[in-house]
N, C-alpha and C. Protein backbone atom coordinates (compact mmCIF):
# COMPACT_ATOMS: atom_id res chain seq x y z
N MET A 1 17.44 78.49 56.20
CA MET A 1 18.56 78.70 54.78
C MET A 1 18.89 77.36 53.77
N LYS A 2 19.29 75.98 54.59
CA LYS A 2 19.85 74.97 54.22
C LYS A 2 18.85 74.12 53.84
N TYR A 3 17.74 74.22 54.71
CA TYR A 3 16.12 73.48 54.72
C TYR A 3 15.40 73.56 53.45
N LEU A 4 15.41 74.74 52.79
CA LEU A 4 14.80 75.67 51.98
C LEU A 4 14.72 74.42 50.61
N PRO A 5 15.57 74.33 49.97
CA PRO A 5 16.01 73.39 49.10
C PRO A 5 15.31 72.04 48.41
N LYS A 6 15.13 71.79 49.89
CA LYS A 6 14.77 70.64 50.20
C LYS A 6 13.44 70.41 50.34
N TYR A 7 12.37 71.11 51.25
CA TYR A 7 11.48 71.43 51.30
C TYR A 7 10.47 72.36 49.85
N SER A 8 11.33 72.81 49.50
CA SER A 8 10.66 73.39 47.62
C SER A 8 10.62 72.31 47.22
N GLY A 9 11.69 71.59 46.97
CA GLY A 9 11.55 70.21 46.24
C GLY A 9 10.50 69.66 46.40
N ALA A 10 9.77 69.47 47.57
CA ALA A 10 9.00 69.02 47.82
C ALA A 10 7.86 68.96 47.51
N VAL A 11 8.03 70.21 48.06
CA VAL A 11 6.58 71.32 47.55
C VAL A 11 5.97 70.58 46.17
N VAL A 12 7.05 71.27 45.13
CA VAL A 12 6.99 70.77 43.66
C VAL A 12 6.65 70.25 43.57
N LEU A 13 7.10 68.73 43.74
CA LEU A 13 6.83 67.17 43.76
C LEU A 13 5.52 66.54 43.96
N LEU A 14 5.08 67.32 45.10
CA LEU A 14 3.18 66.92 45.55
C LEU A 14 2.54 67.75 44.76
N ALA A 15 2.69 68.91 44.46
CA ALA A 15 1.89 69.09 43.55
C ALA A 15 1.70 69.08 42.36
N GLY A 16 3.04 68.47 41.68
CA GLY A 16 2.75 68.10 40.78
C GLY A 16 1.75 66.02 41.12
N LEU A 17 1.99 65.78 41.75
CA LEU A 17 1.26 64.64 41.71
C LEU A 17 -0.28 64.67 42.24
N LEU A 18 -0.66 66.10 43.13
CA LEU A 18 -1.94 66.54 42.98
C LEU A 18 -2.26 66.53 42.02
N MET A 19 -1.95 67.28 41.03
CA MET A 19 -2.69 68.31 40.23
C MET A 19 -2.59 66.80 38.93
N GLY A 20 -1.92 65.84 38.64
CA GLY A 20 -1.78 64.32 37.75
C GLY A 20 -2.24 65.35 37.02
N CYS A 21 -2.15 64.16 35.51
CA CYS A 21 -2.74 64.52 34.11
C CYS A 21 -4.31 65.19 33.92
N GLN A 22 -4.35 66.37 33.87
CA GLN A 22 -5.56 66.91 33.79
C GLN A 22 -5.57 67.82 32.35
N ASN A 23 -5.57 66.70 31.94
CA ASN A 23 -5.72 67.71 30.67
C ASN A 23 -7.12 68.09 30.05
N PRO A 24 -7.46 69.37 29.07
CA PRO A 24 -8.46 69.82 29.43
C PRO A 24 -9.02 68.82 27.55
N GLU A 25 -8.71 68.70 26.10
CA GLU A 25 -8.64 67.63 25.28
C GLU A 25 -8.54 66.47 25.75
N PRO A 26 -10.04 65.63 26.37
CA PRO A 26 -9.84 64.22 26.06
C PRO A 26 -9.00 63.38 24.90
N ALA A 27 -9.27 63.77 23.44
CA ALA A 27 -9.02 63.30 22.90
C ALA A 27 -7.25 63.51 22.74
N THR A 28 -6.34 63.93 23.29
CA THR A 28 -5.66 63.69 22.98
C THR A 28 -4.88 62.69 24.35
N CYS A 29 -5.63 62.65 25.41
CA CYS A 29 -5.06 61.85 25.89
C CYS A 29 -4.68 60.70 25.78
N PRO A 30 -3.86 59.25 25.60
CA PRO A 30 -3.87 58.12 25.15
C PRO A 30 -4.14 57.01 26.03
N GLY A 31 -5.34 56.41 25.29
CA GLY A 31 -6.36 55.40 25.78
C GLY A 31 -7.07 55.51 27.83
N PRO A 32 -7.01 54.32 27.99
CA PRO A 32 -7.78 54.40 29.59
C PRO A 32 -6.57 54.94 30.50
N GLY A 33 -6.75 55.66 31.99
CA GLY A 33 -6.11 55.50 32.16
C GLY A 33 -6.41 57.58 33.08
N PRO A 34 -5.53 57.54 34.34
CA PRO A 34 -5.31 58.70 34.71
C PRO A 34 -5.83 60.27 34.08
N CYS A 35 -5.89 60.17 32.75
CA CYS A 35 -6.51 61.73 32.17
C CYS A 35 -8.02 62.27 32.02
N GLY A 36 -8.68 61.43 32.73
CA GLY A 36 -9.86 61.76 32.87
C GLY A 36 -11.20 60.56 32.21
N ALA A 37 -10.30 59.47 31.67
CA ALA A 37 -11.36 58.49 30.78
C ALA A 37 -11.53 57.65 31.82
N GLU A 38 -12.38 57.30 31.87
CA GLU A 38 -12.90 55.88 32.65
C GLU A 38 -12.41 54.97 31.87
N ALA A 39 -11.52 53.61 32.95
CA ALA A 39 -11.28 53.16 31.99
C ALA A 39 -12.06 51.68 32.07
N PRO A 40 -12.66 51.03 31.01
CA PRO A 40 -13.76 50.35 30.70
C PRO A 40 -13.35 48.74 31.73
N THR A 41 -14.80 48.17 32.60
CA THR A 41 -14.15 47.09 33.17
C THR A 41 -14.15 46.10 32.38
N ARG A 42 -13.26 45.23 32.16
CA ARG A 42 -13.26 43.57 31.34
C ARG A 42 -14.97 42.64 31.72
N LEU A 43 -14.80 42.56 33.04
CA LEU A 43 -16.05 41.80 33.81
C LEU A 43 -17.03 42.37 33.64
N ALA A 44 -17.40 43.93 33.22
CA ALA A 44 -18.57 44.48 32.59
C ALA A 44 -19.25 43.77 31.26
N GLU A 45 -18.03 43.52 30.17
CA GLU A 45 -18.50 43.48 29.08
C GLU A 45 -18.53 41.48 29.08
N LEU A 46 -18.02 41.37 29.76
CA LEU A 46 -18.04 39.27 28.91
C LEU A 46 -19.85 38.99 29.77
N PRO A 47 -20.20 38.18 29.07
CA PRO A 47 -21.33 37.78 29.64
C PRO A 47 -21.17 36.18 30.90
N PRO A 48 -22.60 36.49 31.68
CA PRO A 48 -22.32 35.70 33.05
C PRO A 48 -23.03 34.23 32.32
N PHE A 49 -21.65 33.19 32.79
CA PHE A 49 -22.07 31.82 32.40
C PHE A 49 -22.70 31.18 32.82
N PRO A 50 -23.51 30.73 31.67
CA PRO A 50 -24.87 29.73 32.19
C PRO A 50 -24.93 28.66 33.42
N GLU A 51 -25.51 28.77 34.09
CA GLU A 51 -25.72 27.57 34.95
C GLU A 51 -26.09 26.65 34.79
N GLU A 52 -26.77 26.06 33.81
CA GLU A 52 -27.37 24.83 33.21
C GLU A 52 -26.21 24.27 32.70
N GLN A 53 -25.22 24.85 32.12
CA GLN A 53 -23.90 23.95 31.53
C GLN A 53 -23.27 23.41 32.17
N VAL A 54 -23.13 24.01 33.58
CA VAL A 54 -22.26 23.74 34.72
C VAL A 54 -22.52 21.63 35.10
N PRO A 55 -21.90 21.35 35.01
CA PRO A 55 -21.97 19.55 35.21
C PRO A 55 -22.46 19.62 36.53
N ALA A 56 -23.73 18.66 37.12
CA ALA A 56 -23.42 18.10 38.94
C ALA A 56 -21.97 17.31 39.32
N ALA A 57 -21.86 17.24 40.15
CA ALA A 57 -20.71 16.34 40.83
C ALA A 57 -21.39 15.24 41.08
N GLU A 58 -20.22 14.05 40.97
CA GLU A 58 -20.81 12.93 40.60
C GLU A 58 -20.23 12.06 42.46
N PRO A 59 -20.92 12.14 42.97
CA PRO A 59 -21.00 10.82 44.27
C PRO A 59 -20.03 10.20 44.36
N GLN A 60 -18.80 9.94 44.83
CA GLN A 60 -18.06 8.81 44.69
C GLN A 60 -18.12 8.26 46.10
N PRO A 61 -18.53 6.73 46.18
CA PRO A 61 -18.78 5.87 47.41
C PRO A 61 -16.76 5.56 47.87
N ALA A 62 -17.27 6.05 49.12
CA ALA A 62 -16.09 5.98 50.11
C ALA A 62 -15.17 4.93 49.93
N ALA A 63 -16.02 3.34 49.69
CA ALA A 63 -14.78 2.23 49.39
C ALA A 63 -14.64 2.27 48.28
N GLU A 64 -15.06 3.10 47.16
CA GLU A 64 -13.97 2.60 46.39
C GLU A 64 -12.85 3.97 46.18
N VAL A 65 -13.01 4.51 46.94
CA VAL A 65 -12.33 5.58 46.57
C VAL A 65 -10.51 4.86 48.36
N PHE A 66 -11.20 4.95 49.17
CA PHE A 66 -10.10 4.52 50.27
C PHE A 66 -10.41 2.47 49.91
N GLY A 67 -10.57 2.13 49.35
CA GLY A 67 -10.09 0.43 49.51
C GLY A 67 -11.50 -0.13 50.18
N PRO A 68 -11.30 -1.15 50.01
CA PRO A 68 -12.25 -1.92 50.91
C PRO A 68 -12.55 -1.39 51.98
N ALA A 69 -13.99 -2.00 53.01
CA ALA A 69 -13.86 -1.44 54.40
C ALA A 69 -13.50 -2.32 55.22
N GLU A 70 -14.03 -3.62 54.90
CA GLU A 70 -13.46 -4.97 55.69
C GLU A 70 -11.70 -5.35 55.81
N THR A 71 -10.74 -5.46 56.45
CA THR A 71 -10.13 -5.41 56.88
C THR A 71 -9.03 -6.86 56.51
N VAL A 72 -7.78 -7.39 55.93
CA VAL A 72 -7.32 -8.40 55.24
C VAL A 72 -6.69 -8.90 56.73
N GLU A 73 -6.53 -9.89 56.91
CA GLU A 73 -5.82 -10.65 57.51
C GLU A 73 -4.39 -10.75 56.90
N ARG A 74 -3.21 -10.52 57.22
CA ARG A 74 -1.83 -10.81 56.77
C ARG A 74 -1.25 -11.43 57.48
N PRO A 75 -1.29 -13.16 57.03
CA PRO A 75 -0.03 -13.56 57.58
C PRO A 75 0.92 -13.26 58.64
N VAL A 76 1.74 -13.32 59.56
CA VAL A 76 2.78 -12.93 60.52
C VAL A 76 3.96 -14.04 60.13
N ASP A 77 5.03 -13.33 59.76
CA ASP A 77 6.87 -14.09 59.50
C ASP A 77 7.20 -14.55 60.73
N THR A 78 7.45 -15.27 61.01
CA THR A 78 7.78 -15.40 62.43
C THR A 78 9.63 -16.56 62.23
N THR A 79 9.96 -16.21 60.93
CA THR A 79 11.30 -16.88 60.99
C THR A 79 12.31 -15.99 61.07
N ALA A 80 12.12 -15.03 61.60
CA ALA A 80 12.94 -13.67 62.18
C ALA A 80 12.94 -13.67 63.57
N LEU A 81 12.23 -14.70 64.56
CA LEU A 81 12.09 -14.63 65.61
C LEU A 81 13.24 -15.44 66.19
N VAL A 82 14.10 -14.62 67.17
CA VAL A 82 15.29 -15.37 67.89
C VAL A 82 14.73 -16.25 69.07
N ASP A 83 15.62 -17.54 68.11
CA ASP A 83 15.88 -18.81 69.22
C ASP A 83 16.97 -18.51 70.18
N LYS A 84 16.24 -18.71 71.58
CA LYS A 84 16.77 -18.83 72.96
C LYS A 84 17.38 -19.72 72.82
N GLU A 85 18.47 -20.63 72.50
CA GLU A 85 19.20 -21.47 72.39
C GLU A 85 20.03 -21.16 71.00
N ALA A 86 20.17 -20.96 70.25
CA ALA A 86 21.06 -20.45 69.25
C ALA A 86 21.92 -19.30 69.66
N PRO A 87 22.93 -19.78 69.24
CA PRO A 87 24.20 -18.41 69.69
C PRO A 87 23.42 -16.97 68.67
N ALA A 88 24.23 -16.01 69.87
CA ALA A 88 23.29 -14.92 69.04
C ALA A 88 24.42 -14.32 67.62
N VAL A 89 24.06 -13.70 67.10
CA VAL A 89 24.32 -13.43 66.08
C VAL A 89 23.91 -11.68 65.84
N SER A 90 25.26 -11.42 65.32
CA SER A 90 25.27 -9.40 65.62
C SER A 90 25.13 -8.86 63.67
N ALA A 91 24.09 -8.26 63.62
CA ALA A 91 24.68 -7.61 62.39
C ALA A 91 25.87 -7.32 62.10
N TRP A 92 27.01 -6.38 62.96
CA TRP A 92 27.56 -5.60 62.59
C TRP A 92 28.69 -6.80 62.42
N PRO A 93 29.53 -6.16 62.04
CA PRO A 93 30.99 -7.01 61.65
C PRO A 93 31.26 -7.59 62.82
N SER A 94 32.66 -8.27 63.00
CA SER A 94 33.55 -8.34 63.91
C SER A 94 34.77 -7.74 63.80
N PRO A 95 35.22 -7.39 65.64
CA PRO A 95 36.30 -6.28 65.51
C PRO A 95 37.67 -7.31 64.34
N LYS A 96 38.24 -5.43 63.61
CA LYS A 96 39.64 -5.85 63.00
C LYS A 96 40.08 -6.93 63.66
N GLU A 97 40.43 -7.17 65.16
CA GLU A 97 41.45 -7.85 65.69
C GLU A 97 40.97 -9.68 64.96
N SER A 98 39.77 -9.65 64.62
CA SER A 98 39.53 -10.91 64.55
C SER A 98 39.73 -12.00 63.21
N TYR A 99 39.76 -10.33 62.01
CA TYR A 99 39.83 -10.86 61.17
C TYR A 99 41.41 -11.78 61.06
N ALA A 100 41.74 -12.19 59.88
CA ALA A 100 42.97 -12.96 59.25
C ALA A 100 44.03 -12.43 58.48
N PRO A 101 45.08 -12.29 59.67
CA PRO A 101 46.39 -11.86 59.68
C PRO A 101 46.59 -11.38 58.56
N PRO A 102 47.08 -10.12 58.12
CA PRO A 102 47.32 -9.78 56.54
C PRO A 102 49.06 -11.19 56.36
N VAL A 103 48.96 -11.38 55.38
CA VAL A 103 49.41 -12.25 54.23
C VAL A 103 51.19 -11.37 54.45
N VAL A 104 51.97 -11.34 54.92
CA VAL A 104 53.50 -10.83 55.05
C VAL A 104 54.20 -11.29 53.35
N THR A 105 54.57 -10.59 52.82
CA THR A 105 55.41 -10.98 51.73
C THR A 105 57.29 -10.58 51.76
N ALA A 106 58.18 -11.14 51.68
CA ALA A 106 59.29 -10.98 51.14
C ALA A 106 59.60 -10.03 50.24
N PRO A 107 60.58 -8.51 50.65
CA PRO A 107 60.40 -7.30 49.95
C PRO A 107 61.11 -8.00 48.85
N ARG A 108 60.29 -7.01 47.71
CA ARG A 108 61.17 -7.63 46.67
C ARG A 108 62.45 -6.56 45.90
N THR A 109 63.41 -6.85 45.20
CA THR A 109 64.69 -6.66 45.05
C THR A 109 65.14 -6.83 43.62
N TYR A 110 65.30 -5.49 43.24
CA TYR A 110 65.42 -5.16 41.92
C TYR A 110 66.66 -4.90 41.28
N VAL A 111 67.71 -5.33 40.16
CA VAL A 111 68.79 -4.88 40.09
C VAL A 111 68.85 -3.65 39.07
N VAL A 112 69.93 -2.56 39.41
CA VAL A 112 69.41 -1.53 38.62
C VAL A 112 70.09 -1.83 37.67
N ARG A 113 69.40 -1.30 36.35
CA ARG A 113 70.45 -1.16 35.40
C ARG A 113 70.86 -0.35 33.75
N ARG A 114 71.36 -1.01 32.73
CA ARG A 114 71.29 0.77 32.01
C ARG A 114 70.58 1.55 31.25
N GLY A 115 70.42 2.97 32.37
CA GLY A 115 69.37 3.86 32.18
C GLY A 115 67.68 3.89 32.97
N ASP A 116 68.04 3.39 33.61
CA ASP A 116 67.19 3.32 35.32
C ASP A 116 67.24 4.84 36.16
N THR A 117 66.25 4.75 36.24
CA THR A 117 66.17 6.11 37.61
C THR A 117 65.49 5.57 38.20
N LEU A 118 65.36 5.93 39.35
CA LEU A 118 64.23 5.87 40.20
C LEU A 118 62.01 6.27 40.35
N GLN A 119 62.57 6.82 39.34
CA GLN A 119 61.23 6.70 38.73
C GLN A 119 60.34 6.12 37.28
N ARG A 120 61.54 5.70 37.09
CA ARG A 120 61.21 4.15 35.93
C ARG A 120 61.12 2.93 36.37
N ILE A 121 62.10 3.32 37.79
CA ILE A 121 61.51 1.53 38.50
C ILE A 121 59.85 1.65 39.18
N SER A 122 59.99 3.04 39.75
CA SER A 122 58.86 3.01 40.30
C SER A 122 57.72 2.53 39.44
N LYS A 123 57.88 3.38 38.14
CA LYS A 123 56.83 3.16 37.01
C LYS A 123 56.59 1.67 36.72
N ARG A 124 58.02 1.28 37.08
CA ARG A 124 57.68 -0.65 36.24
C ARG A 124 57.39 -1.60 37.21
N PHE A 125 57.21 -0.84 38.91
CA PHE A 125 56.34 -1.80 39.64
C PHE A 125 54.71 -1.23 40.83
N TYR A 126 54.58 0.00 40.07
CA TYR A 126 53.85 0.33 40.94
C TYR A 126 52.76 1.08 39.86
N GLY A 127 53.29 1.26 38.58
CA GLY A 127 52.70 1.87 37.50
C GLY A 127 52.27 3.13 37.22
N THR A 128 52.80 4.07 38.21
CA THR A 128 53.31 5.58 38.36
C THR A 128 54.86 6.27 38.83
N THR A 129 54.77 6.93 38.05
CA THR A 129 56.59 7.70 38.75
C THR A 129 56.50 8.42 39.97
N ARG A 130 55.23 8.68 40.39
CA ARG A 130 54.90 9.73 41.58
C ARG A 130 55.53 8.92 43.00
N ARG A 131 55.62 7.41 42.74
CA ARG A 131 55.65 6.61 43.97
C ARG A 131 57.20 6.52 43.84
N TRP A 132 58.60 7.50 43.85
CA TRP A 132 59.92 7.51 43.64
C TRP A 132 60.42 7.02 44.50
N ARG A 133 59.37 7.93 45.77
CA ARG A 133 60.49 8.49 47.34
C ARG A 133 59.91 7.14 47.73
N ARG A 134 59.07 6.64 47.41
CA ARG A 134 59.23 4.84 48.77
C ARG A 134 60.16 4.11 47.94
N VAL A 135 60.30 3.89 46.97
CA VAL A 135 61.85 3.08 46.89
C VAL A 135 63.33 3.76 47.38
N TYR A 136 63.34 5.62 47.46
CA TYR A 136 64.62 6.09 47.92
C TYR A 136 64.11 5.83 49.15
N ASN A 137 63.10 6.03 49.71
CA ASN A 137 63.06 5.52 51.45
C ASN A 137 63.43 4.53 51.66
N ALA A 138 63.08 3.17 51.40
CA ALA A 138 63.41 1.92 51.47
C ALA A 138 64.75 1.77 51.14
N ASN A 139 65.65 2.34 50.55
CA ASN A 139 67.29 2.37 50.10
C ASN A 139 67.27 3.34 50.93
N ARG A 140 67.46 4.51 51.76
CA ARG A 140 68.32 5.56 51.59
C ARG A 140 69.43 5.14 52.59
N GLY A 141 69.91 4.30 52.75
CA GLY A 141 71.09 3.71 53.43
C GLY A 141 72.10 3.39 52.17
N GLU A 142 71.83 2.91 51.78
CA GLU A 142 72.42 2.45 50.12
C GLU A 142 72.71 3.96 49.08
N LEU A 143 71.63 4.30 49.08
CA LEU A 143 71.64 5.35 48.05
C LEU A 143 71.90 6.58 48.73
N GLY A 144 72.83 7.74 48.63
CA GLY A 144 72.44 8.69 49.18
C GLY A 144 71.95 9.98 48.74
N ASP A 145 72.10 10.03 47.14
CA ASP A 145 71.79 10.73 46.30
C ASP A 145 70.87 10.40 45.43
N PRO A 146 69.50 10.26 45.25
CA PRO A 146 68.61 9.98 44.71
C PRO A 146 68.77 10.24 43.38
N ASP A 147 69.83 11.37 42.76
CA ASP A 147 70.23 10.94 41.04
C ASP A 147 71.57 10.27 40.62
N LYS A 148 71.72 9.63 41.71
CA LYS A 148 73.07 9.08 41.52
C LYS A 148 73.47 7.59 41.80
N ILE A 149 72.24 6.50 41.17
CA ILE A 149 72.14 5.52 41.35
C ILE A 149 73.18 4.73 40.47
N GLN A 150 73.53 4.14 40.51
CA GLN A 150 74.48 3.23 39.59
C GLN A 150 74.22 1.73 38.99
N ILE A 151 74.39 1.21 37.95
CA ILE A 151 74.51 -0.11 37.05
C ILE A 151 74.91 -1.13 38.50
N GLY A 152 73.70 -1.68 38.61
CA GLY A 152 73.99 -3.08 39.22
C GLY A 152 74.12 -2.89 41.03
N MET A 153 73.74 -1.93 41.35
CA MET A 153 73.02 -1.60 42.91
C MET A 153 71.81 -2.30 42.83
N ARG A 154 71.85 -3.12 43.72
CA ARG A 154 70.40 -3.70 44.14
C ARG A 154 69.14 -3.20 45.34
N LEU A 155 68.39 -2.70 44.98
CA LEU A 155 67.61 -2.21 45.38
C LEU A 155 66.43 -2.81 45.62
N VAL A 156 65.73 -2.27 47.19
CA VAL A 156 64.61 -3.02 47.78
C VAL A 156 63.25 -2.62 47.37
N ILE A 157 62.31 -3.05 47.14
CA ILE A 157 61.25 -2.57 46.58
C ILE A 157 59.81 -2.79 47.64
N PRO A 158 59.85 -1.80 47.88
CA PRO A 158 58.75 -2.29 49.30
C PRO A 158 57.33 -2.11 48.48
N GLN A 159 56.01 -3.19 48.82
CA GLN A 159 54.82 -3.33 48.76
C GLN A 159 54.13 -2.28 48.44
């Protein structure tokens, strides 16, 4: 009983597909299709292309297409050959230890003036207010609280 609706629906669908659009009046059938009218083939309507109008293929010589047949001797560059007596030159840079040592400068000092904050000092020396912690960390022993800097304090400004 539980399969009866499934099978009956399938049988109705199959019967509809098999019967198709069988309309007894061909005038009411809209255009070509499965209503019984034959669809005209477009290829049958077109005349064949006349063969005398097709141009002949021009033969091309292989030398013109692929270049000259003879080979050209190119000069060989011998300047890149390594001289056995010359010191070896590497294309890779030297190790970091052989570079010149960095120039060590003395830390700068700044005397706090009226209206200064760590952010304003950072803006003056680094161009941004975001590096105020660098100034604070360099002067942590002298500054207890970063909000409590006093006029006349000497602060070290790291590089």
